[in-house]
C-alpha cells in the first residue's frame, strides 16, 4: 500500500505545525525562540496523536 505523502504532509502542516507556531507566538511567558517553538511543536504533535487515539477527553 502506497502512503499518500502529500495528504499526510498537508494534514501535518494544517493540524500540527501551524497551530503550534501560533501557540508559541501568542505565548506571553517567553519570546519565540527556537527551543520554545520546538517544545510547543512537540506538545502539539503529542496532543494530536493522543486525540486521534482517544487517549484524552476533550
N, C-alpha and C. Protein backbone atom coordinates (compact mmCIF):
# COMPACT_ATOMS: atom_id res chain seq x y z
N UNK A 1 0.84 -1.19 0.00
CA UNK A 1 0.00 0.00 0.00
C UNK A 1 0.88 1.24 0.00
N UNK A 2 0.62 2.13 -0.90
CA UNK A 2 1.40 3.36 -1.01
C UNK A 2 0.77 4.45 -0.14
N UNK A 3 1.59 5.08 0.68
CA UNK A 3 1.09 6.14 1.55
C UNK A 3 0.91 7.44 0.78
N UNK A 4 -0.17 8.16 1.04
CA UNK A 4 -0.39 9.45 0.39
C UNK A 4 0.44 10.54 1.09
N UNK A 5 1.71 10.63 0.72
CA UNK A 5 2.64 11.53 1.41
C UNK A 5 2.16 12.98 1.36
N UNK A 6 1.64 13.42 0.23
CA UNK A 6 1.14 14.79 0.12
C UNK A 6 0.02 15.07 1.10
N UNK A 7 -0.90 14.14 1.23
CA UNK A 7 -2.02 14.31 2.15
C UNK A 7 -1.54 14.32 3.60
N UNK A 8 -0.58 13.45 3.90
CA UNK A 8 -0.03 13.41 5.26
C UNK A 8 0.69 14.71 5.59
N UNK A 9 1.48 15.21 4.66
CA UNK A 9 2.21 16.47 4.88
C UNK A 9 1.25 17.63 5.03
N UNK A 10 0.21 17.66 4.21
CA UNK A 10 -0.78 18.74 4.29
C UNK A 10 -1.50 18.70 5.63
N UNK A 11 -1.88 17.51 6.07
CA UNK A 11 -2.53 17.35 7.36
C UNK A 11 -1.62 17.83 8.49
N UNK A 12 -0.36 17.41 8.45
CA UNK A 12 0.59 17.79 9.49
C UNK A 12 0.77 19.30 9.54
N UNK A 13 0.85 19.92 8.38
CA UNK A 13 1.02 21.37 8.33
C UNK A 13 -0.18 22.08 8.93
N UNK A 14 -1.37 21.69 8.52
CA UNK A 14 -2.58 22.38 8.97
C UNK A 14 -2.94 22.08 10.41
N UNK A 15 -2.79 20.82 10.84
CA UNK A 15 -3.28 20.42 12.15
C UNK A 15 -2.24 20.43 13.25
N UNK A 16 -0.94 20.42 12.89
CA UNK A 16 0.09 20.33 13.92
C UNK A 16 1.04 21.52 13.87
N UNK A 17 1.65 21.77 12.71
CA UNK A 17 2.71 22.77 12.63
C UNK A 17 2.18 24.19 12.82
N UNK A 18 1.19 24.58 12.03
CA UNK A 18 0.70 25.96 12.12
C UNK A 18 0.08 26.29 13.48
N UNK A 19 -0.75 25.41 14.05
CA UNK A 19 -1.25 25.72 15.40
C UNK A 19 -0.14 25.80 16.45
N UNK A 20 0.88 24.98 16.31
CA UNK A 20 1.99 25.03 17.27
C UNK A 20 2.74 26.35 17.18
N UNK A 21 2.96 26.82 15.97
CA UNK A 21 3.63 28.11 15.78
C UNK A 21 2.76 29.23 16.35
N UNK A 22 1.46 29.15 16.10
CA UNK A 22 0.55 30.17 16.62
C UNK A 22 0.58 30.19 18.15
N UNK A 23 0.59 29.01 18.78
CA UNK A 23 0.65 28.95 20.24
C UNK A 23 1.94 29.59 20.75
N UNK A 24 3.04 29.34 20.09
CA UNK A 24 4.32 29.89 20.52
C UNK A 24 4.34 31.40 20.37
N UNK A 25 3.76 31.91 19.29
CA UNK A 25 3.77 33.35 19.04
C UNK A 25 2.95 34.09 20.08
N UNK A 26 1.78 33.55 20.45
CA UNK A 26 0.92 34.25 21.39
C UNK A 26 1.28 33.99 22.84
N UNK A 27 2.26 33.13 23.08
CA UNK A 27 2.67 32.84 24.45
C UNK A 27 3.28 34.09 25.08
N UNK A 28 2.77 34.46 26.24
CA UNK A 28 3.29 35.64 26.94
C UNK A 28 4.45 35.30 27.85
N UNK A 29 4.67 34.00 28.11
CA UNK A 29 5.72 33.60 29.04
C UNK A 29 7.11 33.84 28.47
N UNK A 30 7.31 33.47 27.23
CA UNK A 30 8.65 33.54 26.64
C UNK A 30 8.57 34.13 25.24
N UNK A 31 9.61 34.80 24.82
CA UNK A 31 9.66 35.21 23.42
C UNK A 31 9.83 33.97 22.54
N UNK A 32 9.47 34.10 21.29
CA UNK A 32 9.57 32.97 20.37
C UNK A 32 11.03 32.68 20.09
N UNK A 33 11.51 31.61 20.64
CA UNK A 33 12.88 31.17 20.39
C UNK A 33 12.82 29.80 19.75
N UNK A 34 13.93 29.35 19.28
CA UNK A 34 13.96 28.04 18.64
C UNK A 34 13.51 26.96 19.62
N UNK A 35 14.01 26.99 20.83
CA UNK A 35 13.65 25.95 21.80
C UNK A 35 12.18 26.00 22.16
N UNK A 36 11.63 27.20 22.34
CA UNK A 36 10.20 27.32 22.66
C UNK A 36 9.37 26.78 21.51
N UNK A 37 9.73 27.12 20.28
CA UNK A 37 8.99 26.63 19.12
C UNK A 37 9.05 25.11 19.03
N UNK A 38 10.23 24.54 19.30
CA UNK A 38 10.38 23.08 19.27
C UNK A 38 9.52 22.44 20.35
N UNK A 39 9.54 22.99 21.55
CA UNK A 39 8.74 22.43 22.64
C UNK A 39 7.25 22.49 22.34
N UNK A 40 6.79 23.62 21.82
CA UNK A 40 5.37 23.77 21.51
C UNK A 40 4.97 22.83 20.39
N UNK A 41 5.83 22.71 19.38
CA UNK A 41 5.54 21.80 18.27
C UNK A 41 5.47 20.35 18.76
N UNK A 42 6.39 19.97 19.62
CA UNK A 42 6.40 18.61 20.16
C UNK A 42 5.11 18.34 20.96
N UNK A 43 4.71 19.31 21.78
CA UNK A 43 3.49 19.14 22.58
C UNK A 43 2.26 19.08 21.69
N UNK A 44 2.21 19.92 20.66
CA UNK A 44 1.07 19.91 19.75
C UNK A 44 0.96 18.58 19.01
N UNK A 45 2.10 18.04 18.60
CA UNK A 45 2.09 16.74 17.92
C UNK A 45 1.61 15.65 18.86
N UNK A 46 2.09 15.68 20.10
CA UNK A 46 1.67 14.68 21.08
C UNK A 46 0.17 14.81 21.37
N UNK A 47 -0.32 16.03 21.51
CA UNK A 47 -1.75 16.25 21.75
C UNK A 47 -2.59 15.71 20.61
N UNK A 48 -2.15 15.94 19.38
CA UNK A 48 -2.90 15.47 18.23
C UNK A 48 -2.92 13.94 18.17
N UNK A 49 -1.79 13.31 18.45
CA UNK A 49 -1.74 11.85 18.45
C UNK A 49 -2.66 11.29 19.53
N UNK A 50 -2.62 11.87 20.72
CA UNK A 50 -3.48 11.40 21.80
C UNK A 50 -4.95 11.61 21.45
N UNK A 51 -5.27 12.73 20.83
CA UNK A 51 -6.65 12.99 20.43
C UNK A 51 -7.12 11.96 19.41
N UNK A 52 -6.26 11.67 18.46
CA UNK A 52 -6.61 10.69 17.42
C UNK A 52 -6.77 9.29 17.99
N UNK A 53 -6.03 8.98 19.02
CA UNK A 53 -6.12 7.66 19.64
C UNK A 53 -7.15 7.63 20.77
N UNK A 54 -7.84 8.74 20.97
CA UNK A 54 -8.86 8.86 22.02
C UNK A 54 -8.30 8.58 23.41
N UNK A 55 -7.07 9.02 23.63
CA UNK A 55 -6.47 8.83 24.95
C UNK A 55 -6.80 9.98 25.89
N UNK A 56 -7.20 11.08 25.33
CA UNK A 56 -7.51 12.25 26.13
C UNK A 56 -8.93 12.68 25.84
N UNK A 57 -9.67 13.03 26.88
CA UNK A 57 -11.04 13.52 26.70
C UNK A 57 -10.97 15.02 26.56
N UNK A 58 -11.57 15.54 25.49
CA UNK A 58 -11.54 16.99 25.27
C UNK A 58 -12.73 17.65 25.91
